[in-house]
């Protein structure tokens, strides 16, 4: 897709995402403004600029910020905006980057991932997963690996790493240490990391089947799925990278249908408590069945199909000379 059309698509998606984020309520509020997941690191960075330790700050009795200081540095520009604009600007920019990545380096039908439950869960919670998914398509975003460490493993496994992204990541970490040398110690001691209420898909029955992704470990999609299977995460927003696995619009439609069916079943059964953000085992089983295993099936199918096509091509007799 040419740059002009890709830019128009990305900007349109970014504006739509910003409007949706403005309109939606979000689970964490600051001064009467709902900010979602960026609230804690945003307030932490704001406090740091005023001389406070960001890991000593709390929101209405909540735990201290779980994010590393690197995340707070990247959120610093958003502290300059009116508080009401912070979440729309963050989600608008993240979504525009993801739209640009798909439009320029993917296939047009991959824009269907914006219809996934993972994307809309990310918008509701104001999560990093759209930007992190964009990093799988846009290498200059790979330094985001040090913003959300558990999903950083996914970027390490599935990202297109080269010298420049590695240097940029080291610069970001070095800058964070130059600004606040003791932040890793403060983060580990006061970050309250043990309160992260997530699960490892591989350990949720029948998530053990995800080891089948090893069949495609030589490909980025295979390594990405393996990484997604072993890192601790939360539903539904953290699973957004899985929507880069389908190879055709039909496969994308299948993954969208199965994942939305899983969400519908969970809501119908009353398993999802949006207000509390609780992570139920029943919902996790539905996510494994509705999102992870269909993604695995598509991965294995595509791997077997590409292998058989290559074998057929290699077995064709050579054309006669002349």
Protein backbone atom coordinates (compact mmCIF):
# COMPACT_ATOMS: atom_id res chain seq x y z
CA UNK A 1 0.00 0.00 0.00
CA UNK A 2 1.39 3.42 -0.92
CA UNK A 3 2.43 5.89 1.78
CA UNK A 4 -0.38 8.37 1.16
CA UNK A 5 -3.18 5.83 1.52
CA UNK A 6 -1.43 4.16 4.47
CA UNK A 7 -1.09 7.52 6.23
CA UNK A 8 -4.77 8.33 5.63
CA UNK A 9 -5.81 4.96 7.07
CA UNK A 10 -3.52 5.32 10.09
CA UNK A 11 -4.72 8.84 10.87
CA UNK A 12 -8.37 7.81 10.51
CA UNK A 13 -7.86 4.86 12.83
CA UNK A 14 -6.02 7.06 15.34
CA UNK A 15 -8.80 9.66 15.38
CA UNK A 16 -11.49 6.99 15.74
CA UNK A 17 -9.57 5.36 18.59
CA UNK A 18 -9.12 8.70 20.37
CA UNK A 19 -12.84 9.45 20.08
CA UNK A 20 -13.76 5.97 21.34
CA UNK A 21 -11.35 6.34 24.26
CA UNK A 22 -12.81 9.76 25.12
CA UNK A 23 -16.32 8.33 25.07
CA UNK A 24 -15.64 5.13 27.01
CA UNK A 25 -15.40 4.87 30.79
CA UNK A 26 -12.11 3.39 32.05
CA UNK A 27 -11.41 1.39 35.22
CA UNK A 28 -8.91 3.69 36.99
CA UNK A 29 -9.70 7.34 37.73
CA UNK A 30 -7.55 10.30 38.74
CA UNK A 31 -9.14 13.56 39.89
CA UNK A 32 -12.44 12.40 38.47
CA UNK A 33 -10.93 11.53 35.07
CA UNK A 34 -10.88 7.90 33.92
CA UNK A 35 -7.42 7.01 32.62
CA UNK A 36 -7.28 3.24 32.63
CA UNK A 37 -4.00 1.37 32.87
CA UNK A 38 -1.75 4.35 32.15
CA UNK A 39 -3.01 6.14 35.27
CA UNK A 40 -0.41 4.73 37.70
CA UNK A 41 2.72 5.32 35.58
CA UNK A 42 1.32 8.66 34.40
CA UNK A 43 0.76 9.86 37.95
CA UNK A 44 4.12 8.34 38.92
CA UNK A 45 5.95 10.39 36.29
CA UNK A 46 4.03 13.52 37.22
CA UNK A 47 5.06 12.99 40.84
CA UNK A 48 8.66 12.34 39.86
CA UNK A 49 8.87 15.69 38.04
CA UNK A 50 7.73 17.29 41.32
CA UNK A 51 10.42 15.50 43.34
CA UNK A 52 8.47 12.50 44.64
CA UNK A 53 9.33 8.80 44.45
CA UNK A 54 6.82 7.43 41.90
CA UNK A 55 6.74 4.08 43.64
CA UNK A 56 5.51 5.69 46.86
CA UNK A 57 2.44 7.17 45.15
CA UNK A 58 -0.96 5.53 45.43
CA UNK A 59 -4.38 6.12 43.91
CA UNK A 60 -7.21 5.86 46.43
CA UNK A 61 -5.47 3.11 48.36
CA UNK A 62 -4.35 1.17 45.28
CA UNK A 63 -0.98 -0.55 44.97
CA UNK A 64 2.03 1.47 43.75
CA UNK A 65 2.76 1.64 40.02
CA UNK A 66 3.75 -1.75 38.63
CA UNK A 67 5.48 -0.38 35.56
CA UNK A 68 9.25 0.19 35.26
CA UNK A 69 10.55 3.75 35.11
CA UNK A 70 11.15 3.32 31.36
CA UNK A 71 7.37 3.31 30.85
CA UNK A 72 7.05 6.51 32.85
CA UNK A 73 9.67 8.22 30.70
CA UNK A 74 7.77 7.39 27.52
CA UNK A 75 4.56 8.68 29.11
CA UNK A 76 6.18 11.97 30.13
CA UNK A 77 4.86 13.92 27.07
CA UNK A 78 1.31 12.92 28.02
CA UNK A 79 1.73 14.58 31.42
CA UNK A 80 1.93 17.90 29.56
CA UNK A 81 -1.61 17.48 28.24
CA UNK A 82 -4.82 18.24 30.13
CA UNK A 83 -5.61 15.10 32.12
CA UNK A 84 -8.82 14.48 30.15
CA UNK A 85 -6.82 14.23 26.91
CA UNK A 86 -4.10 11.86 28.12
CA UNK A 87 -5.91 8.55 27.53
CA UNK A 88 -7.42 9.54 24.13
CA UNK A 89 -4.02 10.83 22.95
CA UNK A 90 -2.24 7.66 24.11
CA UNK A 91 -4.72 5.26 22.50
CA UNK A 92 -5.03 7.41 19.38
CA UNK A 93 -1.28 7.43 18.83
CA UNK A 94 -0.90 3.70 19.63
CA UNK A 95 -3.74 2.77 17.27
CA UNK A 96 -2.43 5.02 14.50
CA UNK A 97 0.99 3.38 14.74
CA UNK A 98 -0.60 -0.08 14.57
CA UNK A 99 -2.71 1.01 11.60
CA UNK A 100 0.40 2.37 9.86
CA UNK A 101 2.30 -0.83 10.53
CA UNK A 102 -0.45 -3.00 9.06
CA UNK A 103 -1.08 -0.70 6.09
CA UNK A 104 2.60 -0.42 5.15
CA UNK A 105 4.00 -3.83 6.07
CA UNK A 106 1.02 -6.14 6.31
CA UNK A 107 -2.00 -6.96 4.18
CA UNK A 108 -5.11 -4.76 4.00
CA UNK A 109 -7.38 -7.43 5.51
CA UNK A 110 -5.15 -7.50 8.61
CA UNK A 111 -6.85 -4.23 9.57
CA UNK A 112 -9.66 -6.54 10.73
CA UNK A 113 -7.64 -6.98 13.95
CA UNK A 114 -9.17 -3.65 15.01
CA UNK A 115 -12.47 -5.57 15.30
CA UNK A 116 -10.99 -8.11 17.73
CA UNK A 117 -12.02 -8.35 21.40
CA UNK A 118 -8.36 -7.91 22.31
CA UNK A 119 -8.19 -4.50 20.65
CA UNK A 120 -11.42 -3.21 22.18
CA UNK A 121 -10.42 -4.55 25.57
CA UNK A 122 -7.17 -2.59 25.18
CA UNK A 123 -9.14 0.58 24.35
CA UNK A 124 -11.37 0.11 27.38
CA UNK A 125 -8.43 -0.51 29.71
CA UNK A 126 -6.08 1.97 27.93
CA UNK A 127 -3.39 -0.66 27.45
CA UNK A 128 0.01 -0.84 25.74
CA UNK A 129 -0.82 -3.90 23.62
CA UNK A 130 -1.71 -1.98 20.40
CA UNK A 131 1.67 -0.20 20.50
CA UNK A 132 3.47 -3.44 21.35
CA UNK A 133 1.71 -5.24 18.49
CA UNK A 134 2.73 -2.37 16.20
CA UNK A 135 6.35 -2.99 17.25
CA UNK A 136 6.15 -6.44 15.63
CA UNK A 137 5.59 -4.61 12.34
CA UNK A 138 7.62 -1.42 12.93
CA UNK A 139 11.15 -2.14 14.25
CA UNK A 140 11.67 1.43 15.49
CA UNK A 141 9.08 0.66 18.19
CA UNK A 142 10.97 -2.38 19.52
CA UNK A 143 12.39 -0.40 22.50
CA UNK A 144 8.89 -0.84 23.93
CA UNK A 145 10.21 -4.26 25.00
CA UNK A 146 11.55 -2.58 28.17
CA UNK A 147 8.23 -0.86 28.93
CA UNK A 148 6.13 -3.92 29.71
CA UNK A 149 8.66 -6.68 30.46
CA UNK A 150 6.37 -9.71 30.14
CA UNK A 151 5.29 -8.69 26.63
CA UNK A 152 8.85 -7.59 25.99
CA UNK A 153 9.65 -11.30 25.77
CA UNK A 154 7.18 -11.49 22.87
CA UNK A 155 8.97 -8.63 21.09
CA UNK A 156 12.33 -10.26 21.74
CA UNK A 157 11.08 -13.49 20.15
CA UNK A 158 9.05 -12.11 17.25
CA UNK A 159 10.49 -8.67 16.50
CA UNK A 160 12.66 -7.77 13.51
CA UNK A 161 15.73 -6.82 15.52
CA UNK A 162 18.71 -5.12 13.94
CA UNK A 163 21.43 -2.78 15.13
CA UNK A 164 19.27 0.35 15.31
CA UNK A 165 16.45 -1.06 17.50
CA UNK A 166 19.04 -2.60 19.82
CA UNK A 167 20.90 0.70 20.12
CA UNK A 168 17.63 2.60 20.68
CA UNK A 169 16.63 0.18 23.44
CA UNK A 170 19.99 0.57 25.16
CA UNK A 171 19.69 4.36 24.87
CA UNK A 172 16.26 4.30 26.52
CA UNK A 173 17.50 2.15 29.40
CA UNK A 174 20.65 4.27 29.76
CA UNK A 175 18.57 7.46 29.78
CA UNK A 176 16.33 6.08 32.50
CA UNK A 177 19.36 5.22 34.62
CA UNK A 178 20.92 8.61 33.99
CA UNK A 179 17.74 10.35 35.16
CA UNK A 180 17.17 8.08 38.17
CA UNK A 181 20.03 5.61 38.77
CA UNK A 182 18.29 3.64 41.54
CA UNK A 183 14.98 3.03 39.82
CA UNK A 184 15.51 -0.73 39.22
CA UNK A 185 16.05 -1.24 42.97
CA UNK A 186 13.05 0.94 43.84
CA UNK A 187 10.90 -0.85 41.27
CA UNK A 188 11.79 -4.32 42.57
CA UNK A 189 11.38 -3.33 46.22
CA UNK A 190 8.35 -1.05 46.01
CA UNK A 191 6.73 -1.84 42.68
CA UNK A 192 4.43 -4.40 44.31
CA UNK A 193 5.04 -6.74 41.39
CA UNK A 194 3.57 -9.70 43.27
CA UNK A 195 0.11 -8.14 42.92
CA UNK A 196 0.08 -8.65 39.14
CA UNK A 197 -2.93 -10.90 38.71
CA UNK A 198 -2.24 -12.78 35.50
CA UNK A 199 -1.80 -16.31 34.19
CA UNK A 200 0.59 -18.27 32.00
CA UNK A 201 -1.46 -19.76 29.12
CA UNK A 202 0.73 -22.87 28.96
CA UNK A 203 -0.34 -23.70 32.54
CA UNK A 204 -4.07 -23.29 31.92
CA UNK A 205 -5.76 -26.49 30.74
CA UNK A 206 -5.70 -27.17 27.79
CA UNK A 207 -2.92 -24.62 27.24
CA UNK A 208 -0.26 -27.35 27.30
CA UNK A 209 -1.22 -27.98 23.66
CA UNK A 210 0.47 -24.68 22.78
CA UNK A 211 3.83 -26.44 22.83
CA UNK A 212 2.78 -27.49 19.33
CA UNK A 213 3.92 -24.06 18.17
CA UNK A 214 7.46 -25.43 18.31
CA UNK A 215 6.74 -26.90 14.85
CA UNK A 216 7.12 -23.36 13.48
CA UNK A 217 9.84 -22.06 15.78
CA UNK A 218 11.97 -21.03 12.79
CA UNK A 219 9.34 -18.46 11.81
CA UNK A 220 8.56 -15.21 13.64
CA UNK A 221 4.91 -16.21 14.13
CA UNK A 222 5.92 -19.50 15.73
CA UNK A 223 8.39 -17.86 18.11
CA UNK A 224 5.86 -15.18 18.94
CA UNK A 225 3.16 -17.73 19.80
CA UNK A 226 5.60 -19.75 21.92
CA UNK A 227 6.53 -16.58 23.80
CA UNK A 228 2.87 -15.68 24.26
CA UNK A 229 2.27 -19.15 25.69
CA UNK A 230 4.92 -18.88 28.41
CA UNK A 231 4.67 -15.30 29.68
CA UNK A 232 2.30 -14.20 32.43
CA UNK A 233 -0.47 -12.00 31.05
CA UNK A 234 -4.07 -10.88 31.46
CA UNK A 235 -7.10 -11.31 29.23
CA UNK A 236 -8.25 -10.02 26.78
CA UNK A 237 -5.99 -7.18 25.69
CA UNK A 238 -2.62 -8.90 26.00
CA UNK A 239 -3.53 -11.41 23.26
CA UNK A 240 -3.66 -8.77 20.48
CA UNK A 241 -0.36 -9.94 18.84
CA UNK A 242 -2.01 -13.29 18.04
CA UNK A 243 -4.07 -11.60 15.33
CA UNK A 244 -0.91 -11.24 13.25
CA UNK A 245 -0.79 -15.03 12.78
CA UNK A 246 -3.56 -15.48 10.14
CA UNK A 247 -2.28 -15.56 6.56
CA UNK A 248 -5.58 -14.91 4.74
CA UNK A 249 -8.73 -12.89 5.38
CA UNK A 250 -10.63 -16.15 5.84
CA UNK A 251 -8.23 -17.22 8.57
CA UNK A 252 -8.57 -13.82 10.23
CA UNK A 253 -12.36 -14.17 10.11
CA UNK A 254 -12.14 -17.58 11.77
CA UNK A 255 -9.95 -16.23 14.59
CA UNK A 256 -12.25 -13.23 15.09
CA UNK A 257 -15.33 -15.47 15.25
CA UNK A 258 -13.85 -17.97 17.70
CA UNK A 259 -12.48 -15.26 19.97
CA UNK A 260 -15.75 -13.30 20.03
CA UNK A 261 -17.70 -16.51 20.70
CA UNK A 262 -15.45 -17.12 23.72
CA UNK A 263 -16.09 -13.60 25.00
CA UNK A 264 -19.85 -13.95 24.46
CA UNK A 265 -19.92 -17.25 26.36
CA UNK A 266 -18.04 -15.68 29.26
CA UNK A 267 -20.41 -12.72 29.47
CA UNK A 268 -23.43 -14.98 29.12
CA UNK A 269 -22.17 -17.16 31.98
CA UNK A 270 -21.48 -14.11 34.15
CA UNK A 271 -17.79 -14.93 34.49
CA UNK A 272 -16.48 -11.47 33.56
CA UNK A 273 -16.46 -8.79 36.24
CA UNK A 274 -15.49 -5.66 34.33
CA UNK A 275 -15.52 -3.42 37.39
CA UNK A 276 -13.08 -5.44 39.51
CA UNK A 277 -10.77 -6.64 36.74
CA UNK A 278 -10.65 -10.09 38.35
CA UNK A 279 -9.00 -12.87 36.32
CA UNK A 280 -11.13 -16.02 36.51
CA UNK A 281 -9.93 -19.47 35.56
CA UNK A 282 -13.16 -20.13 33.62
CA UNK A 283 -12.50 -17.11 31.40
CA UNK A 284 -8.90 -18.15 30.87
CA UNK A 285 -10.02 -21.58 29.65
CA UNK A 286 -12.37 -19.83 27.20
CA UNK A 287 -9.49 -17.62 25.99
CA UNK A 288 -7.31 -20.68 25.43
CA UNK A 289 -10.10 -22.43 23.51
CA UNK A 290 -11.31 -19.38 21.60
CA UNK A 291 -8.10 -17.52 20.81
CA UNK A 292 -4.86 -19.37 21.55
CA UNK A 293 -5.77 -22.80 20.14
CA UNK A 294 -7.36 -21.42 16.94
CA UNK A 295 -4.23 -19.30 16.46
CA UNK A 296 -2.13 -22.45 16.97
CA UNK A 297 -4.26 -24.38 14.48
CA UNK A 298 -3.78 -21.66 11.87
CA UNK A 299 -0.04 -21.58 12.55
CA UNK A 300 0.31 -25.36 12.18
CA UNK A 301 -1.86 -25.39 9.05
CA UNK A 302 0.19 -22.65 7.43
CA UNK A 303 3.45 -24.35 8.40
CA UNK A 304 2.36 -27.71 6.99
CA UNK A 305 0.92 -26.10 3.84
CA UNK A 306 4.11 -24.11 3.17
CA UNK A 307 6.25 -27.20 3.83
CA UNK A 308 4.21 -29.39 1.49
CA UNK A 309 4.27 -26.69 -1.21
CA UNK A 310 8.04 -26.44 -0.93
CA UNK A 311 8.39 -30.21 -1.10
CA UNK A 312 6.17 -30.37 -4.19
CA UNK A 313 8.16 -27.64 -5.88
CA UNK A 314 11.46 -29.37 -5.15
CA UNK A 315 10.17 -32.70 -6.47
CA UNK A 316 9.11 -31.28 -9.84
CA UNK A 317 11.35 -32.56 -12.67
CA UNK A 318 13.77 -30.03 -14.11
CA UNK A 319 12.76 -28.64 -17.50
CA UNK A 320 14.64 -30.06 -20.47
CA UNK A 321 17.57 -27.97 -21.60
CA UNK A 322 17.13 -25.61 -24.51
